[in-house]
Amino acid sequence: MEVYRTCGNRTAPLPKGTRMDPIEQLSHIGPALIGLADRIEPHQLTGATPCERFTVNDILDHMITLGGAFSYWFRGEEALAVTPPSRDGQVPAAAFRLTLENLLDAVRSPGALERTITAPMGTMPGETFARLVAFDGLVHGWDLATATGQAYDVPADVVAAVDEFARAALSAEMRDGDTFKAETNPSAGASRLERLVAFSGRTV
């Protein structure tokens, strides 16, 4: 799926026991992503990432474009067209920061988690969609960190909560080779984040 390649168009119901608030998850993941973008060098924009067919530049554009649309959805508004910024080879760190801060504000807005959201991967409660956004953001952060040689520090309990949700929400039919690839085998000493990334279909 071109518009949202790392999340599927068919998801299972929100698993019981997934208790960490997605707002709390995004409150950690968002700043971690912003920090990564702030440290990317212009010459790294064209570099390949573990997310197949995406360069570093592609992931930044993907997150700016979709993050902007998601903000409208969480507020119950019709999304306006969001296009990546024109930057002449420069890293869009300011636009990326603004997008993620606005997204977090939208997720925190009254009724956002209770609202029914119709997204490319289906219609679902705002809470479920927020958890998918956290999953997508967490894994794309790993993509960026790996591609640019950066440390990626997300609290272990946040990773655990996202991992729990992803393993319950991703159905076998979503592994169609485009939405998600088949789970790969991480190394014996892989961290929980690396195991989650392997579960998403990336090679670790």
N, C-alpha and C. Protein backbone atom coordinates (compact mmCIF):
# COMPACT_ATOMS: atom_id res chain seq x y z
N MET A 1 0.85 -1.19 0.00
CA MET A 1 0.00 0.00 0.00
C MET A 1 0.89 1.24 0.00
N GLU A 2 0.75 2.06 -1.01
CA GLU A 2 1.66 3.18 -1.17
C GLU A 2 1.49 4.23 -0.09
N VAL A 3 0.25 4.50 0.32
CA VAL A 3 0.02 5.62 1.22
C VAL A 3 0.47 5.34 2.65
N TYR A 4 0.49 4.10 3.03
CA TYR A 4 0.82 3.80 4.44
C TYR A 4 1.39 2.40 4.48
N ARG A 5 2.59 2.25 3.98
CA ARG A 5 3.09 0.93 3.69
C ARG A 5 3.44 0.10 4.92
N THR A 6 3.63 0.73 6.06
CA THR A 6 4.03 -0.07 7.20
C THR A 6 2.89 -0.45 8.11
N CYS A 7 1.68 0.00 7.81
CA CYS A 7 0.52 -0.43 8.58
C CYS A 7 -0.51 -0.99 7.64
N GLY A 8 -1.24 -1.98 8.11
CA GLY A 8 -2.11 -2.70 7.21
C GLY A 8 -3.47 -2.09 7.03
N ASN A 9 -4.23 -2.68 6.10
CA ASN A 9 -5.59 -2.22 5.89
C ASN A 9 -6.59 -3.13 6.56
N ARG A 10 -6.10 -4.10 7.33
CA ARG A 10 -6.97 -4.98 8.09
C ARG A 10 -6.30 -5.21 9.44
N THR A 11 -6.94 -4.86 10.52
CA THR A 11 -6.35 -5.04 11.83
C THR A 11 -7.30 -5.78 12.74
N ALA A 12 -6.73 -6.53 13.68
CA ALA A 12 -7.54 -7.23 14.67
C ALA A 12 -8.04 -6.23 15.70
N PRO A 13 -9.06 -6.58 16.50
CA PRO A 13 -9.51 -5.69 17.56
C PRO A 13 -8.39 -5.40 18.55
N LEU A 14 -8.51 -4.28 19.25
CA LEU A 14 -7.52 -3.92 20.26
C LEU A 14 -7.40 -5.03 21.28
N PRO A 15 -6.20 -5.61 21.46
CA PRO A 15 -6.05 -6.74 22.36
C PRO A 15 -6.30 -6.37 23.81
N LYS A 16 -6.91 -7.29 24.52
CA LYS A 16 -7.12 -7.10 25.95
C LYS A 16 -5.76 -7.05 26.64
N GLY A 17 -5.64 -6.20 27.65
CA GLY A 17 -4.39 -6.13 28.39
C GLY A 17 -3.41 -5.12 27.84
N THR A 18 -3.74 -4.49 26.70
CA THR A 18 -2.86 -3.47 26.16
C THR A 18 -3.18 -2.17 26.88
N ARG A 19 -2.53 -1.94 27.99
CA ARG A 19 -3.00 -0.90 28.90
C ARG A 19 -2.23 0.40 28.85
N MET A 20 -0.99 0.40 28.36
CA MET A 20 -0.30 1.69 28.33
C MET A 20 -1.01 2.62 27.35
N ASP A 21 -1.37 3.77 27.83
CA ASP A 21 -2.07 4.76 27.03
C ASP A 21 -1.25 5.08 25.77
N PRO A 22 -1.87 5.07 24.58
CA PRO A 22 -1.10 5.42 23.39
C PRO A 22 -0.58 6.85 23.41
N ILE A 23 -1.24 7.72 24.16
CA ILE A 23 -0.72 9.08 24.30
C ILE A 23 0.63 9.05 25.01
N GLU A 24 0.73 8.22 26.04
CA GLU A 24 2.00 8.08 26.75
C GLU A 24 3.06 7.51 25.82
N GLN A 25 2.69 6.51 25.03
CA GLN A 25 3.64 5.94 24.08
C GLN A 25 4.16 7.01 23.13
N LEU A 26 3.25 7.77 22.53
CA LEU A 26 3.64 8.79 21.56
C LEU A 26 4.39 9.94 22.22
N SER A 27 4.15 10.16 23.51
CA SER A 27 4.87 11.22 24.24
C SER A 27 6.35 10.90 24.37
N HIS A 28 6.71 9.63 24.27
CA HIS A 28 8.12 9.22 24.27
C HIS A 28 8.65 9.05 22.85
N ILE A 29 7.85 8.42 21.99
CA ILE A 29 8.32 8.13 20.64
C ILE A 29 8.50 9.42 19.83
N GLY A 30 7.57 10.37 19.97
CA GLY A 30 7.67 11.62 19.22
C GLY A 30 8.97 12.37 19.45
N PRO A 31 9.33 12.67 20.71
CA PRO A 31 10.60 13.36 20.95
C PRO A 31 11.82 12.57 20.47
N ALA A 32 11.76 11.24 20.59
CA ALA A 32 12.88 10.43 20.09
C ALA A 32 13.04 10.59 18.59
N LEU A 33 11.92 10.60 17.87
CA LEU A 33 11.96 10.80 16.42
C LEU A 33 12.47 12.19 16.06
N ILE A 34 12.01 13.20 16.79
CA ILE A 34 12.46 14.57 16.53
C ILE A 34 13.97 14.67 16.74
N GLY A 35 14.47 14.03 17.78
CA GLY A 35 15.91 14.05 18.03
C GLY A 35 16.69 13.41 16.90
N LEU A 36 16.17 12.31 16.35
CA LEU A 36 16.83 11.67 15.22
C LEU A 36 16.89 12.62 14.02
N ALA A 37 15.75 13.24 13.70
CA ALA A 37 15.71 14.14 12.55
C ALA A 37 16.65 15.32 12.73
N ASP A 38 16.75 15.83 13.94
CA ASP A 38 17.64 16.96 14.22
C ASP A 38 19.10 16.63 13.94
N ARG A 39 19.46 15.36 14.05
CA ARG A 39 20.86 14.96 13.91
C ARG A 39 21.21 14.39 12.53
N ILE A 40 20.24 14.30 11.64
CA ILE A 40 20.52 13.81 10.29
C ILE A 40 21.29 14.86 9.51
N GLU A 41 22.31 14.42 8.78
CA GLU A 41 23.09 15.32 7.93
C GLU A 41 22.53 15.30 6.50
N PRO A 42 22.64 16.42 5.79
CA PRO A 42 22.08 16.46 4.43
C PRO A 42 22.56 15.34 3.52
N HIS A 43 23.83 14.95 3.64
CA HIS A 43 24.34 13.91 2.74
C HIS A 43 23.74 12.54 3.03
N GLN A 44 23.06 12.40 4.17
CA GLN A 44 22.45 11.12 4.52
C GLN A 44 21.04 10.95 3.95
N LEU A 45 20.47 12.00 3.39
CA LEU A 45 19.08 11.95 2.95
C LEU A 45 18.82 10.91 1.88
N THR A 46 19.79 10.67 1.02
CA THR A 46 19.59 9.72 -0.08
C THR A 46 19.97 8.30 0.30
N GLY A 47 20.38 8.09 1.53
CA GLY A 47 20.80 6.77 1.96
C GLY A 47 19.64 5.79 2.08
N ALA A 48 19.93 4.53 1.80
CA ALA A 48 18.92 3.47 1.93
C ALA A 48 18.61 3.22 3.40
N THR A 49 17.44 2.70 3.67
CA THR A 49 17.03 2.34 5.03
C THR A 49 16.58 0.89 5.05
N PRO A 50 16.40 0.31 6.23
CA PRO A 50 15.88 -1.06 6.32
C PRO A 50 14.45 -1.20 5.81
N CYS A 51 13.74 -0.10 5.66
CA CYS A 51 12.38 -0.12 5.12
C CYS A 51 12.50 -0.13 3.59
N GLU A 52 12.20 -1.25 3.00
CA GLU A 52 12.45 -1.44 1.57
C GLU A 52 11.78 -0.36 0.73
N ARG A 53 12.53 0.16 -0.23
CA ARG A 53 12.10 1.19 -1.18
C ARG A 53 12.07 2.58 -0.57
N PHE A 54 12.43 2.73 0.69
CA PHE A 54 12.44 4.04 1.33
C PHE A 54 13.88 4.49 1.59
N THR A 55 14.22 5.69 1.15
CA THR A 55 15.45 6.33 1.59
C THR A 55 15.16 7.09 2.88
N VAL A 56 16.20 7.65 3.48
CA VAL A 56 16.00 8.50 4.66
C VAL A 56 15.05 9.64 4.32
N ASN A 57 15.28 10.26 3.18
CA ASN A 57 14.41 11.35 2.73
C ASN A 57 12.96 10.89 2.58
N ASP A 58 12.77 9.70 2.03
CA ASP A 58 11.41 9.17 1.84
C ASP A 58 10.68 9.01 3.17
N ILE A 59 11.39 8.49 4.17
CA ILE A 59 10.75 8.29 5.48
C ILE A 59 10.36 9.62 6.10
N LEU A 60 11.24 10.60 6.02
CA LEU A 60 10.91 11.92 6.56
C LEU A 60 9.69 12.50 5.85
N ASP A 61 9.67 12.41 4.52
CA ASP A 61 8.52 12.92 3.77
C ASP A 61 7.25 12.16 4.11
N HIS A 62 7.37 10.84 4.22
CA HIS A 62 6.24 9.97 4.57
C HIS A 62 5.63 10.38 5.91
N MET A 63 6.49 10.64 6.88
CA MET A 63 6.00 10.97 8.22
C MET A 63 5.45 12.39 8.29
N ILE A 64 6.03 13.31 7.55
CA ILE A 64 5.51 14.67 7.51
C ILE A 64 4.14 14.69 6.83
N THR A 65 4.04 13.99 5.71
CA THR A 65 2.79 13.98 4.95
C THR A 65 1.66 13.31 5.73
N LEU A 66 1.92 12.10 6.21
CA LEU A 66 0.87 11.37 6.90
C LEU A 66 0.62 11.91 8.30
N GLY A 67 1.68 12.32 8.99
CA GLY A 67 1.49 12.90 10.31
C GLY A 67 0.60 14.13 10.25
N GLY A 68 0.75 14.92 9.19
CA GLY A 68 -0.11 16.08 9.02
C GLY A 68 -1.56 15.70 8.82
N ALA A 69 -1.79 14.66 8.01
CA ALA A 69 -3.16 14.19 7.78
C ALA A 69 -3.76 13.60 9.06
N PHE A 70 -2.95 12.83 9.79
CA PHE A 70 -3.45 12.19 11.01
C PHE A 70 -3.94 13.23 12.02
N SER A 71 -3.26 14.36 12.08
CA SER A 71 -3.66 15.41 13.03
C SER A 71 -5.09 15.86 12.77
N TYR A 72 -5.43 16.00 11.51
CA TYR A 72 -6.82 16.36 11.17
C TYR A 72 -7.78 15.26 11.61
N TRP A 73 -7.43 14.02 11.32
CA TRP A 73 -8.33 12.90 11.65
C TRP A 73 -8.59 12.80 13.14
N PHE A 74 -7.54 12.95 13.94
CA PHE A 74 -7.73 12.86 15.39
C PHE A 74 -8.61 13.99 15.93
N ARG A 75 -8.65 15.09 15.23
CA ARG A 75 -9.52 16.21 15.64
C ARG A 75 -10.91 16.12 15.02
N GLY A 76 -11.14 15.08 14.23
CA GLY A 76 -12.44 14.91 13.61
C GLY A 76 -12.67 15.84 12.43
N GLU A 77 -11.59 16.28 11.80
CA GLU A 77 -11.68 17.22 10.69
C GLU A 77 -11.30 16.53 9.38
N GLU A 78 -11.77 17.06 8.29
CA GLU A 78 -11.37 16.55 6.98
C GLU A 78 -9.94 17.00 6.71
N ALA A 79 -9.10 16.05 6.34
CA ALA A 79 -7.69 16.36 6.13
C ALA A 79 -7.49 17.20 4.88
N LEU A 80 -6.74 18.27 5.02
CA LEU A 80 -6.32 19.05 3.87
C LEU A 80 -5.11 18.39 3.24
N ALA A 81 -4.84 18.71 2.01
CA ALA A 81 -3.68 18.13 1.34
C ALA A 81 -2.41 18.57 2.06
N VAL A 82 -1.56 17.61 2.38
CA VAL A 82 -0.29 17.89 3.04
C VAL A 82 0.82 17.42 2.12
N THR A 83 1.73 18.29 1.78
CA THR A 83 2.84 17.93 0.91
C THR A 83 4.16 18.16 1.63
N PRO A 84 5.18 17.35 1.32
CA PRO A 84 6.48 17.55 1.95
C PRO A 84 7.04 18.93 1.61
N PRO A 85 7.81 19.51 2.51
CA PRO A 85 8.36 20.84 2.25
C PRO A 85 9.43 20.82 1.17
N SER A 86 9.54 21.91 0.44
CA SER A 86 10.63 22.06 -0.53
C SER A 86 11.85 22.55 0.25
N ARG A 87 12.97 21.89 0.09
CA ARG A 87 14.09 22.21 0.98
C ARG A 87 15.46 22.25 0.31
N ASP A 88 15.55 22.00 -0.98
CA ASP A 88 16.82 22.13 -1.70
C ASP A 88 17.95 21.33 -1.05
N GLY A 89 17.67 20.07 -0.75
CA GLY A 89 18.70 19.20 -0.22
C GLY A 89 18.95 19.32 1.27
N GLN A 90 18.19 20.16 1.96
CA GLN A 90 18.37 20.32 3.39
C GLN A 90 17.44 19.38 4.16
N VAL A 91 17.85 19.02 5.36
CA VAL A 91 17.04 18.14 6.21
C VAL A 91 15.83 18.93 6.72
N PRO A 92 14.61 18.39 6.56
CA PRO A 92 13.41 19.12 6.99
C PRO A 92 13.13 18.98 8.48
N ALA A 93 14.16 19.22 9.30
CA ALA A 93 14.02 18.98 10.73
C ALA A 93 12.94 19.85 11.37
N ALA A 94 12.85 21.11 10.97
CA ALA A 94 11.85 22.00 11.56
C ALA A 94 10.44 21.56 11.20
N ALA A 95 10.22 21.20 9.93
CA ALA A 95 8.90 20.74 9.50
C ALA A 95 8.54 19.43 10.17
N PHE A 96 9.52 18.56 10.34
CA PHE A 96 9.30 17.27 11.00
C PHE A 96 8.90 17.49 12.45
N ARG A 97 9.62 18.37 13.14
CA ARG A 97 9.31 18.68 14.54
C ARG A 97 7.89 19.25 14.66
N LEU A 98 7.57 20.20 13.82
CA LEU A 98 6.25 20.83 13.87
C LEU A 98 5.14 19.80 13.63
N THR A 99 5.36 18.90 12.67
CA THR A 99 4.37 17.88 12.36
C THR A 99 4.12 16.97 13.56
N LEU A 100 5.19 16.49 14.18
CA LEU A 100 5.03 15.55 15.29
C LEU A 100 4.46 16.23 16.52
N GLU A 101 4.86 17.46 16.77
CA GLU A 101 4.29 18.17 17.92
C GLU A 101 2.79 18.43 17.71
N ASN A 102 2.42 18.77 16.49
CA ASN A 102 1.01 18.99 16.17
C ASN A 102 0.22 17.69 16.27
N LEU A 103 0.83 16.59 15.84
CA LEU A 103 0.17 15.29 15.92
C LEU A 103 -0.09 14.91 17.37
N LEU A 104 0.89 15.11 18.23
CA LEU A 104 0.70 14.78 19.64
C LEU A 104 -0.38 15.65 20.27
N ASP A 105 -0.40 16.92 19.91
CA ASP A 105 -1.47 17.80 20.40
C ASP A 105 -2.84 17.28 19.95
N ALA A 106 -2.91 16.80 18.71
CA ALA A 106 -4.18 16.30 18.17
C ALA A 106 -4.62 15.03 18.89
N VAL A 107 -3.68 14.13 19.17
CA VAL A 107 -4.00 12.89 19.88
C VAL A 107 -4.51 13.21 21.29
N ARG A 108 -4.00 14.28 21.87
CA ARG A 108 -4.41 14.69 23.22
C ARG A 108 -5.72 15.50 23.23
N SER A 109 -6.22 15.86 22.07
CA SER A 109 -7.40 16.72 22.01
C SER A 109 -8.64 15.96 22.49
N PRO A 110 -9.64 16.67 23.02
CA PRO A 110 -10.83 16.01 23.56
C PRO A 110 -11.51 15.09 22.54
N GLY A 111 -11.75 13.85 22.96
CA GLY A 111 -12.47 12.90 22.13
C GLY A 111 -11.65 12.19 21.08
N ALA A 112 -10.35 12.49 20.99
CA ALA A 112 -9.53 11.92 19.92
C ALA A 112 -9.48 10.40 19.97
N LEU A 113 -9.33 9.82 21.16
CA LEU A 113 -9.20 8.37 21.27
C LEU A 113 -10.54 7.66 21.15
N GLU A 114 -11.62 8.36 21.40
CA GLU A 114 -12.95 7.76 21.30
C GLU A 114 -13.55 7.91 19.90
N ARG A 115 -13.02 8.82 19.13
CA ARG A 115 -13.57 9.12 17.80
C ARG A 115 -13.33 7.95 16.84
N THR A 116 -14.27 7.68 15.97
CA THR A 116 -14.08 6.67 14.92
C THR A 116 -13.30 7.31 13.78
N ILE A 117 -12.21 6.66 13.40
CA ILE A 117 -11.34 7.19 12.36
C ILE A 117 -11.36 6.25 11.16
N THR A 118 -11.57 6.81 10.00
CA THR A 118 -11.51 6.05 8.76
C THR A 118 -10.17 6.36 8.10
N ALA A 119 -9.30 5.37 8.09
CA ALA A 119 -7.94 5.51 7.60
C ALA A 119 -7.73 4.55 6.42
N PRO A 120 -6.60 4.65 5.73
CA PRO A 120 -6.34 3.76 4.60
C PRO A 120 -6.40 2.28 4.96
N MET A 121 -6.11 1.95 6.22
CA MET A 121 -6.11 0.55 6.62
C MET A 121 -7.44 0.11 7.23
N GLY A 122 -8.46 0.96 7.19
CA GLY A 122 -9.77 0.58 7.68
C GLY A 122 -10.34 1.59 8.66
N THR A 123 -11.55 1.31 9.14
CA THR A 123 -12.23 2.15 10.12
C THR A 123 -12.04 1.55 11.50
N MET A 124 -11.68 2.39 12.47
CA MET A 124 -11.35 1.88 13.80
C MET A 124 -11.47 3.00 14.83
N PRO A 125 -11.51 2.64 16.12
CA PRO A 125 -11.50 3.67 17.17
C PRO A 125 -10.19 4.45 17.15
N GLY A 126 -10.27 5.70 17.58
CA GLY A 126 -9.07 6.52 17.62
C GLY A 126 -7.97 5.92 18.46
N GLU A 127 -8.33 5.22 19.54
CA GLU A 127 -7.30 4.61 20.38
C GLU A 127 -6.51 3.56 19.60
N THR A 128 -7.21 2.72 18.85
CA THR A 128 -6.52 1.71 18.05
C THR A 128 -5.63 2.36 17.01
N PHE A 129 -6.15 3.40 16.36
CA PHE A 129 -5.35 4.08 15.35
C PHE A 129 -4.12 4.73 15.97
N ALA A 130 -4.27 5.31 17.15
CA ALA A 130 -3.12 5.92 17.83
C ALA A 130 -2.06 4.88 18.14
N ARG A 131 -2.47 3.68 18.49
CA ARG A 131 -1.51 2.61 18.75
C ARG A 131 -0.80 2.18 17.46
N LEU A 132 -1.53 2.18 16.35
CA LEU A 132 -0.89 1.88 15.07
C LEU A 132 0.11 2.97 14.70
N VAL A 133 -0.23 4.21 14.97
CA VAL A 133 0.68 5.32 14.70
C VAL A 133 1.94 5.18 15.56
N ALA A 134 1.78 4.78 16.82
CA ALA A 134 2.93 4.57 17.70
C ALA A 134 3.82 3.45 17.16
N PHE A 135 3.20 2.37 16.73
CA PHE A 135 3.95 1.25 16.15
C PHE A 135 4.71 1.70 14.91
N ASP A 136 4.02 2.36 14.00
CA ASP A 136 4.63 2.85 12.77
C ASP A 136 5.80 3.78 13.08
N GLY A 137 5.58 4.71 14.01
CA GLY A 137 6.61 5.67 14.35
C GLY A 137 7.81 5.02 15.00
N LEU A 138 7.55 4.09 15.91
CA LEU A 138 8.65 3.41 16.60
C LEU A 138 9.54 2.67 15.61
N VAL A 139 8.93 1.94 14.68
CA VAL A 139 9.71 1.16 13.72
C VAL A 139 10.41 2.07 12.72
N HIS A 140 9.74 3.11 12.26
CA HIS A 140 10.41 4.04 11.35
C HIS A 140 11.56 4.77 12.04
N GLY A 141 11.44 5.00 13.33
CA GLY A 141 12.56 5.58 14.06
C GLY A 141 13.77 4.66 14.02
N TRP A 142 13.52 3.36 14.17
CA TRP A 142 14.63 2.40 14.07
C TRP A 142 15.22 2.44 12.67
N ASP A 143 14.38 2.56 11.66
CA ASP A 143 14.88 2.68 10.28
C ASP A 143 15.83 3.87 10.16
N LEU A 144 15.40 5.02 10.66
CA LEU A 144 16.22 6.23 10.55
C LEU A 144 17.51 6.11 11.34
N ALA A 145 17.40 5.60 12.56
CA ALA A 145 18.59 5.46 13.40
C ALA A 145 19.59 4.51 12.77
N THR A 146 19.11 3.39 12.24
CA THR A 146 19.99 2.41 11.62
C THR A 146 20.66 2.99 10.37
N ALA A 147 19.88 3.69 9.56
CA ALA A 147 20.41 4.23 8.31
C ALA A 147 21.42 5.35 8.53
N THR A 148 21.29 6.08 9.63
CA THR A 148 22.16 7.24 9.87
C THR A 148 23.16 7.02 11.00
N GLY A 149 23.21 5.81 11.54
CA GLY A 149 24.20 5.48 12.56
C GLY A 149 23.98 6.17 13.89
N GLN A 150 22.74 6.36 14.28
CA GLN A 150 22.43 7.04 15.53
C GLN A 150 21.92 6.07 16.59
N ALA A 151 22.10 6.47 17.85
CA ALA A 151 21.47 5.75 18.95
C ALA A 151 19.98 6.08 18.94
N TYR A 152 19.18 5.13 19.41
CA TYR A 152 17.72 5.32 19.41
C TYR A 152 17.22 4.90 20.77
N ASP A 153 16.93 5.86 21.61
CA ASP A 153 16.59 5.58 23.00
C ASP A 153 15.10 5.78 23.25
N VAL A 154 14.38 4.68 23.36
CA VAL A 154 12.97 4.68 23.71
C VAL A 154 12.82 3.80 24.95
N PRO A 155 12.11 4.25 25.99
CA PRO A 155 11.99 3.45 27.21
C PRO A 155 11.51 2.03 26.94
N ALA A 156 12.06 1.09 27.71
CA ALA A 156 11.75 -0.32 27.51
C ALA A 156 10.26 -0.62 27.67
N ASP A 157 9.59 0.08 28.60
CA ASP A 157 8.17 -0.22 28.80
C ASP A 157 7.33 0.27 27.63
N VAL A 158 7.79 1.31 26.94
CA VAL A 158 7.09 1.78 25.74
C VAL A 158 7.24 0.76 24.62
N VAL A 159 8.47 0.29 24.42
CA VAL A 159 8.71 -0.74 23.41
C VAL A 159 7.87 -1.97 23.70
N ALA A 160 7.81 -2.38 24.96
CA ALA A 160 7.04 -3.56 25.34
C ALA A 160 5.56 -3.38 25.04
N ALA A 161 5.02 -2.20 25.31
CA ALA A 161 3.60 -1.94 25.06
C ALA A 161 3.29 -1.97 23.57
N VAL A 162 4.16 -1.36 22.77
CA VAL A 162 3.95 -1.36 21.32
C VAL A 162 4.08 -2.78 20.78
N ASP A 163 5.05 -3.51 21.28
CA ASP A 163 5.26 -4.89 20.85
C ASP A 163 4.04 -5.75 21.15
N GLU A 164 3.49 -5.60 22.34
CA GLU A 164 2.31 -6.37 22.74
C GLU A 164 1.15 -6.09 21.80
N PHE A 165 0.94 -4.82 21.50
CA PHE A 165 -0.16 -4.47 20.60
C PHE A 165 0.07 -5.03 19.20
N ALA A 166 1.28 -4.84 18.67
CA ALA A 166 1.56 -5.25 17.29
C ALA A 166 1.35 -6.74 17.10
N ARG A 167 1.80 -7.53 18.06
CA ARG A 167 1.69 -8.99 17.91
C ARG A 167 0.25 -9.47 17.98
N ALA A 168 -0.60 -8.71 18.64
CA ALA A 168 -2.02 -9.07 18.69
C ALA A 168 -2.80 -8.50 17.51
N ALA A 169 -2.36 -7.36 16.99
CA ALA A 169 -3.14 -6.65 15.98
C ALA A 169 -2.84 -7.07 14.55
N LEU A 170 -1.61 -7.51 14.28
CA LEU A 170 -1.25 -7.86 12.91
C LEU A 170 -1.73 -9.27 12.57
N SER A 171 -2.58 -9.36 11.58
CA SER A 171 -3.10 -10.66 11.17
C SER A 171 -2.23 -11.25 10.06
N ALA A 172 -2.35 -12.56 9.87
CA ALA A 172 -1.56 -13.25 8.85
C ALA A 172 -1.84 -12.70 7.45
N GLU A 173 -3.08 -12.33 7.18
CA GLU A 173 -3.43 -11.84 5.85
C GLU A 173 -2.79 -10.51 5.52
N MET A 174 -2.33 -9.79 6.55
CA MET A 174 -1.66 -8.51 6.31
C MET A 174 -0.25 -8.70 5.79
N ARG A 175 0.29 -9.90 5.92
CA ARG A 175 1.65 -10.17 5.44
C ARG A 175 1.58 -10.56 3.96
N ASP A 176 1.25 -9.56 3.15
CA ASP A 176 1.06 -9.78 1.72
C ASP A 176 2.29 -9.41 0.90
N GLY A 177 3.39 -9.07 1.58
CA GLY A 177 4.61 -8.70 0.89
C GLY A 177 4.71 -7.21 0.61
N ASP A 178 3.61 -6.50 0.78
CA ASP A 178 3.61 -5.06 0.55
C ASP A 178 3.26 -4.33 1.83
N THR A 179 2.08 -4.65 2.38
CA THR A 179 1.70 -4.06 3.66
C THR A 179 2.71 -4.47 4.72
N PHE A 180 2.94 -5.76 4.87
CA PHE A 180 3.98 -6.32 5.72
C PHE A 180 4.59 -7.52 5.01
N LYS A 181 5.86 -7.71 5.23
CA LYS A 181 6.52 -8.93 4.76
C LYS A 181 6.46 -9.98 5.86
N ALA A 182 6.92 -11.16 5.53
CA ALA A 182 6.97 -12.23 6.52
C ALA A 182 7.94 -11.86 7.64
N GLU A 183 7.62 -12.30 8.83
CA GLU A 183 8.50 -12.07 9.98
C GLU A 183 9.87 -12.66 9.70
N THR A 184 10.92 -11.94 10.08
CA THR A 184 12.28 -12.43 9.93
C THR A 184 12.81 -12.91 11.27
N ASN A 185 13.95 -13.56 11.24
CA ASN A 185 14.54 -14.12 12.47
C ASN A 185 15.63 -13.19 12.99
N PRO A 186 15.42 -12.57 14.14
CA PRO A 186 16.47 -11.72 14.72
C PRO A 186 17.58 -12.59 15.31
N SER A 187 18.70 -11.97 15.60
CA SER A 187 19.81 -12.70 16.21
C SER A 187 19.46 -13.10 17.64
N ALA A 188 20.21 -14.04 18.16
CA ALA A 188 19.93 -14.56 19.50
C ALA A 188 20.00 -13.46 20.56
N GLY A 189 20.86 -12.48 20.36
CA GLY A 189 21.02 -11.42 21.36
C GLY A 189 20.24 -10.16 21.04
N ALA A 190 19.24 -10.25 20.18
CA ALA A 190 18.49 -9.07 19.76
C ALA A 190 17.72 -8.46 20.92
N SER A 191 17.62 -7.15 20.91
CA SER A 191 16.82 -6.44 21.91
C SER A 191 15.34 -6.62 21.60
N ARG A 192 14.48 -6.20 22.53
CA ARG A 192 13.04 -6.33 22.26
C ARG A 192 12.63 -5.46 21.07
N LEU A 193 13.24 -4.29 20.94
CA LEU A 193 12.95 -3.45 19.79
C LEU A 193 13.36 -4.15 18.50
N GLU A 194 14.53 -4.74 18.49
CA GLU A 194 14.98 -5.46 17.29
C GLU A 194 14.08 -6.64 16.98
N ARG A 195 13.57 -7.31 18.01
CA ARG A 195 12.64 -8.42 17.77
C ARG A 195 11.33 -7.90 17.19
N LEU A 196 10.88 -6.74 17.66
CA LEU A 196 9.67 -6.13 17.11
C LEU A 196 9.89 -5.74 15.65
N VAL A 197 11.04 -5.17 15.36
CA VAL A 197 11.36 -4.79 13.99
C VAL A 197 11.38 -6.02 13.08
N ALA A 198 11.96 -7.11 13.57
CA ALA A 198 11.96 -8.35 12.79
C ALA A 198 10.54 -8.86 12.60
N PHE A 199 9.71 -8.71 13.61
CA PHE A 199 8.31 -9.12 13.50
C PHE A 199 7.59 -8.32 12.41
N SER A 200 7.99 -7.07 12.24
CA SER A 200 7.37 -6.22 11.22
C SER A 200 7.79 -6.61 9.81
N GLY A 201 8.81 -7.48 9.69
CA GLY A 201 9.23 -7.96 8.38
C GLY A 201 10.56 -7.42 7.91
N ARG A 202 11.23 -6.63 8.73
CA ARG A 202 12.53 -6.10 8.35
C ARG A 202 13.65 -7.07 8.72
N THR A 203 14.75 -6.95 8.02
CA THR A 203 15.93 -7.74 8.33
C THR A 203 16.74 -7.01 9.39
N VAL A 204 17.01 -7.69 10.48
CA VAL A 204 17.74 -7.08 11.60
C VAL A 204 19.17 -7.61 11.62
